[in-house]
Amino acid sequence: MASLLAMVLAAALSGAPAPNKAKTHGYALSGTVSSIDESRKSFVVRNAAGKETRLVWTDATTVAGGKVTAGARVTLRYLDKDGKHIATSVVIGEPVPVVTPPAK
């Protein structure tokens, strides 16, 4: 970490651009699986507004609560990489509402 900071400071002082740092953003999605393509390791999720999102899974994708099947309700997290939505975790079943405790 210290060496990265030193490189950034040196670049800033020299006027050179800072080195690129890989950025990854995670997104959440809930909806119903409308189709699955096992051969392409992909599935489509339709959210409450009717928008469909095609996602792919990898060996690193975690699935909890059963198997991903057409018609299943899912809540998932995914990353965008190489022009694909890559599912990182999938939970089968109705989404659990987040309960915020009342302020004291």
N, C-alpha and C. Protein backbone atom coordinates (compact mmCIF):
# COMPACT_ATOMS: atom_id res chain seq x y z
N MET A 1 0.83 -1.19 0.00
CA MET A 1 0.00 0.00 0.00
C MET A 1 0.87 1.25 0.00
N ALA A 2 1.94 1.23 0.80
CA ALA A 2 2.83 2.38 0.87
C ALA A 2 3.48 2.63 -0.48
N SER A 3 3.86 1.55 -1.21
CA SER A 3 4.50 1.73 -2.51
C SER A 3 3.51 2.31 -3.52
N LEU A 4 2.24 1.92 -3.45
CA LEU A 4 1.23 2.48 -4.34
C LEU A 4 1.06 3.96 -4.07
N LEU A 5 1.02 4.32 -2.78
CA LEU A 5 0.90 5.72 -2.40
C LEU A 5 2.10 6.51 -2.90
N ALA A 6 3.30 5.93 -2.77
CA ALA A 6 4.51 6.60 -3.25
C ALA A 6 4.46 6.82 -4.75
N MET A 7 3.95 5.80 -5.51
CA MET A 7 3.84 5.93 -6.97
C MET A 7 2.86 7.03 -7.34
N VAL A 8 1.72 7.08 -6.65
CA VAL A 8 0.71 8.09 -6.94
C VAL A 8 1.25 9.48 -6.64
N LEU A 9 1.93 9.63 -5.50
CA LEU A 9 2.52 10.93 -5.14
C LEU A 9 3.58 11.34 -6.15
N ALA A 10 4.44 10.40 -6.55
CA ALA A 10 5.48 10.70 -7.53
C ALA A 10 4.86 11.12 -8.86
N ALA A 11 3.82 10.42 -9.27
CA ALA A 11 3.14 10.75 -10.53
C ALA A 11 2.49 12.12 -10.44
N ALA A 12 1.89 12.42 -9.30
CA ALA A 12 1.23 13.71 -9.13
C ALA A 12 2.25 14.84 -9.16
N LEU A 13 3.39 14.63 -8.52
CA LEU A 13 4.42 15.66 -8.49
C LEU A 13 5.09 15.84 -9.84
N SER A 14 5.19 14.77 -10.62
CA SER A 14 5.85 14.85 -11.92
C SER A 14 4.90 15.31 -13.03
N GLY A 15 3.60 15.33 -12.71
CA GLY A 15 2.62 15.73 -13.71
C GLY A 15 2.14 14.57 -14.57
N ALA A 16 2.69 13.37 -14.35
CA ALA A 16 2.27 12.19 -15.10
C ALA A 16 0.94 11.69 -14.55
N PRO A 17 0.15 11.02 -15.39
CA PRO A 17 -1.13 10.49 -14.90
C PRO A 17 -0.89 9.37 -13.88
N ALA A 18 -1.80 9.26 -12.93
CA ALA A 18 -1.72 8.21 -11.91
C ALA A 18 -1.99 6.86 -12.56
N PRO A 19 -1.42 5.79 -12.03
CA PRO A 19 -1.68 4.46 -12.62
C PRO A 19 -3.15 4.09 -12.49
N ASN A 20 -3.63 3.36 -13.51
CA ASN A 20 -5.02 2.91 -13.47
C ASN A 20 -5.22 1.89 -12.38
N LYS A 21 -6.27 2.03 -11.63
CA LYS A 21 -6.63 1.06 -10.61
C LYS A 21 -7.90 0.39 -11.08
N ALA A 22 -7.92 -0.93 -11.08
CA ALA A 22 -9.10 -1.66 -11.52
C ALA A 22 -10.29 -1.29 -10.65
N LYS A 23 -11.41 -1.01 -11.28
CA LYS A 23 -12.62 -0.67 -10.55
C LYS A 23 -13.64 -1.78 -10.73
N THR A 24 -14.21 -2.23 -9.63
CA THR A 24 -15.29 -3.21 -9.72
C THR A 24 -16.46 -2.67 -8.92
N HIS A 25 -17.60 -2.77 -9.49
CA HIS A 25 -18.81 -2.29 -8.83
C HIS A 25 -19.79 -3.44 -8.74
N GLY A 26 -20.37 -3.61 -7.59
CA GLY A 26 -21.36 -4.66 -7.42
C GLY A 26 -22.76 -4.09 -7.52
N TYR A 27 -23.64 -4.81 -8.13
CA TYR A 27 -25.02 -4.39 -8.29
C TYR A 27 -25.94 -5.44 -7.68
N ALA A 28 -27.08 -5.01 -7.19
CA ALA A 28 -28.09 -5.91 -6.64
C ALA A 28 -29.26 -5.98 -7.62
N LEU A 29 -29.91 -7.14 -7.66
CA LEU A 29 -31.05 -7.34 -8.55
C LEU A 29 -31.98 -8.37 -7.93
N SER A 30 -33.27 -8.10 -7.96
CA SER A 30 -34.28 -9.06 -7.51
C SER A 30 -35.31 -9.20 -8.62
N GLY A 31 -35.83 -10.40 -8.78
CA GLY A 31 -36.84 -10.62 -9.80
C GLY A 31 -37.14 -12.09 -9.96
N THR A 32 -37.69 -12.42 -11.12
CA THR A 32 -38.07 -13.79 -11.45
C THR A 32 -37.24 -14.27 -12.62
N VAL A 33 -36.71 -15.48 -12.53
CA VAL A 33 -35.94 -16.06 -13.63
C VAL A 33 -36.92 -16.37 -14.76
N SER A 34 -36.71 -15.78 -15.93
CA SER A 34 -37.62 -16.03 -17.04
C SER A 34 -37.09 -17.10 -18.00
N SER A 35 -35.76 -17.29 -18.05
CA SER A 35 -35.21 -18.36 -18.89
C SER A 35 -33.79 -18.68 -18.44
N ILE A 36 -33.36 -19.91 -18.80
CA ILE A 36 -32.01 -20.38 -18.49
C ILE A 36 -31.43 -21.02 -19.73
N ASP A 37 -30.15 -20.78 -19.99
CA ASP A 37 -29.43 -21.42 -21.08
C ASP A 37 -28.21 -22.11 -20.47
N GLU A 38 -28.36 -23.40 -20.15
CA GLU A 38 -27.30 -24.17 -19.50
C GLU A 38 -26.03 -24.19 -20.34
N SER A 39 -26.15 -24.31 -21.67
CA SER A 39 -24.97 -24.43 -22.52
C SER A 39 -24.13 -23.15 -22.52
N ARG A 40 -24.77 -22.01 -22.32
CA ARG A 40 -24.05 -20.74 -22.27
C ARG A 40 -23.81 -20.25 -20.84
N LYS A 41 -24.25 -21.05 -19.87
CA LYS A 41 -24.14 -20.70 -18.45
C LYS A 41 -24.73 -19.31 -18.21
N SER A 42 -25.97 -19.11 -18.72
CA SER A 42 -26.61 -17.81 -18.57
C SER A 42 -28.08 -17.98 -18.19
N PHE A 43 -28.63 -16.91 -17.62
CA PHE A 43 -30.05 -16.88 -17.30
C PHE A 43 -30.53 -15.44 -17.37
N VAL A 44 -31.85 -15.28 -17.52
CA VAL A 44 -32.46 -13.96 -17.64
C VAL A 44 -33.37 -13.74 -16.44
N VAL A 45 -33.23 -12.56 -15.81
CA VAL A 45 -34.07 -12.20 -14.67
C VAL A 45 -34.92 -11.00 -15.05
N ARG A 46 -36.24 -11.10 -14.80
CA ARG A 46 -37.16 -9.98 -15.05
C ARG A 46 -37.49 -9.35 -13.70
N ASN A 47 -37.20 -8.03 -13.57
CA ASN A 47 -37.49 -7.34 -12.31
C ASN A 47 -38.96 -6.92 -12.24
N ALA A 48 -39.36 -6.29 -11.14
CA ALA A 48 -40.76 -5.90 -10.93
C ALA A 48 -41.26 -4.93 -11.99
N ALA A 49 -40.36 -4.13 -12.57
CA ALA A 49 -40.76 -3.17 -13.60
C ALA A 49 -40.84 -3.81 -14.98
N GLY A 50 -40.47 -5.11 -15.09
CA GLY A 50 -40.55 -5.80 -16.37
C GLY A 50 -39.26 -5.78 -17.17
N LYS A 51 -38.22 -5.15 -16.65
CA LYS A 51 -36.94 -5.09 -17.37
C LYS A 51 -36.22 -6.42 -17.22
N GLU A 52 -35.71 -6.95 -18.34
CA GLU A 52 -34.99 -8.21 -18.32
C GLU A 52 -33.49 -7.97 -18.38
N THR A 53 -32.76 -8.74 -17.57
CA THR A 53 -31.31 -8.64 -17.51
C THR A 53 -30.73 -10.04 -17.70
N ARG A 54 -29.84 -10.18 -18.69
CA ARG A 54 -29.16 -11.47 -18.91
C ARG A 54 -27.88 -11.49 -18.08
N LEU A 55 -27.71 -12.57 -17.33
CA LEU A 55 -26.54 -12.75 -16.49
C LEU A 55 -25.87 -14.07 -16.82
N VAL A 56 -24.59 -14.16 -16.53
CA VAL A 56 -23.87 -15.43 -16.67
C VAL A 56 -23.37 -15.84 -15.29
N TRP A 57 -23.12 -17.15 -15.13
CA TRP A 57 -22.55 -17.62 -13.88
C TRP A 57 -21.21 -18.27 -14.16
N THR A 58 -20.40 -18.35 -13.11
CA THR A 58 -19.09 -18.99 -13.20
C THR A 58 -18.99 -20.03 -12.09
N ASP A 59 -17.86 -20.72 -12.03
CA ASP A 59 -17.64 -21.68 -10.95
C ASP A 59 -17.58 -20.99 -9.60
N ALA A 60 -17.30 -19.68 -9.59
CA ALA A 60 -17.20 -18.93 -8.34
C ALA A 60 -18.56 -18.39 -7.86
N THR A 61 -19.60 -18.48 -8.68
CA THR A 61 -20.93 -18.00 -8.30
C THR A 61 -21.50 -18.88 -7.19
N THR A 62 -21.96 -18.25 -6.11
CA THR A 62 -22.58 -19.01 -5.02
C THR A 62 -24.10 -18.96 -5.17
N VAL A 63 -24.74 -20.11 -4.92
CA VAL A 63 -26.20 -20.21 -5.01
C VAL A 63 -26.70 -20.77 -3.69
N ALA A 64 -27.67 -20.09 -3.08
CA ALA A 64 -28.25 -20.54 -1.80
C ALA A 64 -29.75 -20.70 -1.96
N GLY A 65 -30.31 -21.71 -1.31
CA GLY A 65 -31.76 -21.88 -1.28
C GLY A 65 -32.33 -22.76 -2.36
N GLY A 66 -31.50 -23.46 -3.11
CA GLY A 66 -32.03 -24.34 -4.15
C GLY A 66 -31.27 -24.18 -5.44
N LYS A 67 -31.94 -24.54 -6.53
CA LYS A 67 -31.35 -24.46 -7.86
C LYS A 67 -32.03 -23.35 -8.65
N VAL A 68 -31.27 -22.68 -9.49
CA VAL A 68 -31.83 -21.63 -10.34
C VAL A 68 -32.65 -22.31 -11.44
N THR A 69 -33.97 -22.06 -11.43
CA THR A 69 -34.87 -22.63 -12.43
C THR A 69 -35.79 -21.53 -12.96
N ALA A 70 -36.33 -21.73 -14.14
CA ALA A 70 -37.27 -20.76 -14.69
C ALA A 70 -38.47 -20.65 -13.75
N GLY A 71 -38.87 -19.42 -13.47
CA GLY A 71 -40.00 -19.16 -12.58
C GLY A 71 -39.59 -18.90 -11.14
N ALA A 72 -38.34 -19.18 -10.80
CA ALA A 72 -37.87 -18.98 -9.42
C ALA A 72 -37.68 -17.50 -9.12
N ARG A 73 -38.05 -17.10 -7.91
CA ARG A 73 -37.78 -15.74 -7.44
C ARG A 73 -36.35 -15.74 -6.94
N VAL A 74 -35.56 -14.72 -7.32
CA VAL A 74 -34.17 -14.65 -6.92
C VAL A 74 -33.80 -13.24 -6.49
N THR A 75 -32.81 -13.17 -5.62
CA THR A 75 -32.14 -11.92 -5.26
C THR A 75 -30.67 -12.20 -5.48
N LEU A 76 -29.99 -11.33 -6.20
CA LEU A 76 -28.60 -11.63 -6.53
C LEU A 76 -27.74 -10.39 -6.54
N ARG A 77 -26.44 -10.64 -6.57
CA ARG A 77 -25.44 -9.60 -6.75
C ARG A 77 -24.65 -9.96 -8.00
N TYR A 78 -24.24 -8.93 -8.77
CA TYR A 78 -23.46 -9.21 -9.96
C TYR A 78 -22.47 -8.10 -10.21
N LEU A 79 -21.46 -8.42 -11.02
CA LEU A 79 -20.44 -7.47 -11.45
C LEU A 79 -20.50 -7.35 -12.96
N ASP A 80 -20.10 -6.21 -13.47
CA ASP A 80 -19.97 -6.03 -14.91
C ASP A 80 -18.50 -6.20 -15.27
N LYS A 81 -18.22 -7.16 -16.16
CA LYS A 81 -16.85 -7.40 -16.60
C LYS A 81 -16.88 -7.92 -18.02
N ASP A 82 -16.01 -7.38 -18.86
CA ASP A 82 -15.90 -7.80 -20.26
C ASP A 82 -17.24 -7.77 -20.98
N GLY A 83 -18.07 -6.78 -20.67
CA GLY A 83 -19.35 -6.62 -21.34
C GLY A 83 -20.42 -7.59 -20.90
N LYS A 84 -20.18 -8.30 -19.79
CA LYS A 84 -21.16 -9.27 -19.29
C LYS A 84 -21.54 -8.93 -17.86
N HIS A 85 -22.76 -9.33 -17.49
CA HIS A 85 -23.21 -9.24 -16.10
C HIS A 85 -22.90 -10.60 -15.48
N ILE A 86 -21.93 -10.65 -14.58
CA ILE A 86 -21.50 -11.92 -13.98
C ILE A 86 -22.06 -12.03 -12.58
N ALA A 87 -22.95 -13.01 -12.38
CA ALA A 87 -23.56 -13.23 -11.08
C ALA A 87 -22.50 -13.71 -10.10
N THR A 88 -22.41 -13.05 -8.93
CA THR A 88 -21.46 -13.47 -7.90
C THR A 88 -22.16 -14.27 -6.82
N SER A 89 -23.42 -13.93 -6.52
CA SER A 89 -24.19 -14.70 -5.54
C SER A 89 -25.67 -14.64 -5.91
N VAL A 90 -26.36 -15.77 -5.70
CA VAL A 90 -27.78 -15.87 -6.02
C VAL A 90 -28.47 -16.51 -4.83
N VAL A 91 -29.55 -15.89 -4.36
CA VAL A 91 -30.37 -16.45 -3.29
C VAL A 91 -31.75 -16.73 -3.87
N ILE A 92 -32.18 -17.99 -3.78
CA ILE A 92 -33.47 -18.41 -4.30
C ILE A 92 -34.53 -18.13 -3.24
N GLY A 93 -35.66 -17.57 -3.64
CA GLY A 93 -36.77 -17.30 -2.72
C GLY A 93 -37.12 -15.83 -2.71
N GLU A 94 -38.18 -15.52 -1.98
CA GLU A 94 -38.64 -14.13 -1.89
C GLU A 94 -37.58 -13.28 -1.19
N PRO A 95 -37.39 -12.03 -1.64
CA PRO A 95 -36.42 -11.17 -0.98
C PRO A 95 -36.86 -10.88 0.45
N VAL A 96 -35.89 -10.83 1.33
CA VAL A 96 -36.16 -10.53 2.73
C VAL A 96 -36.10 -9.03 2.91
N PRO A 97 -37.19 -8.40 3.43
CA PRO A 97 -37.16 -6.96 3.60
C PRO A 97 -36.17 -6.56 4.70
N VAL A 98 -35.50 -5.45 4.48
CA VAL A 98 -34.56 -4.93 5.47
C VAL A 98 -35.35 -4.12 6.48
N VAL A 99 -35.20 -4.47 7.75
CA VAL A 99 -35.91 -3.77 8.82
C VAL A 99 -34.94 -2.83 9.50
N THR A 100 -35.27 -1.55 9.52
CA THR A 100 -34.44 -0.56 10.17
C THR A 100 -35.01 -0.29 11.56
N PRO A 101 -34.17 -0.43 12.61
CA PRO A 101 -34.69 -0.17 13.95
C PRO A 101 -35.08 1.30 14.11
N PRO A 102 -36.10 1.58 14.92
CA PRO A 102 -36.51 2.97 15.11
C PRO A 102 -35.41 3.78 15.81
N ALA A 103 -35.33 5.05 15.46
CA ALA A 103 -34.35 5.94 16.09
C ALA A 103 -34.76 6.20 17.52
N LYS A 104 -33.78 6.31 18.37
CA LYS A 104 -34.05 6.55 19.80
C LYS A 104 -33.97 8.00 20.14
